[in-house]
Amino acid sequence: MGSDTEERVSSAARLADILRKQGVRGSLVEKIHKNILTAETAHSTHKSSNRYEAERQVREDPFVRGYLHKIYLFDYLVFPFDRRVLDTAYQKIDSKLFLEEVAK
């Protein structure tokens, strides 16, 4: 999910649509959607004392950045996230061509 409200709302709606299309029970879809938009997850780190070190590594460590880009690449290709936060090489990936190639 995106960190800003607009991305989070958009992503939550798209996920809910996907879950419905896959036959997930409506009440469960609504619960998931609501939790995405309002709940703080149990694994949340935003109040952790280690947060600042992790943020520094994300900003400055090329090894960490590389893995994070690879882990979340599909999220940025499938969902309408703002790619300006990604490194230049990942900003330029053509979503349609990349996903078609992966699907082969």
Foldseek 3Di string as FASTA:
>chain_A
DDDDLVQQLQVLVVVLVVCVVVPNDPVVSVVSSCCSNDNDDPPDCPVPPCVVVVVCCCVPPPVVVVVVCVVCLVVVLPGVDDCPVHPPVSSPDDSVVVVVVVVD
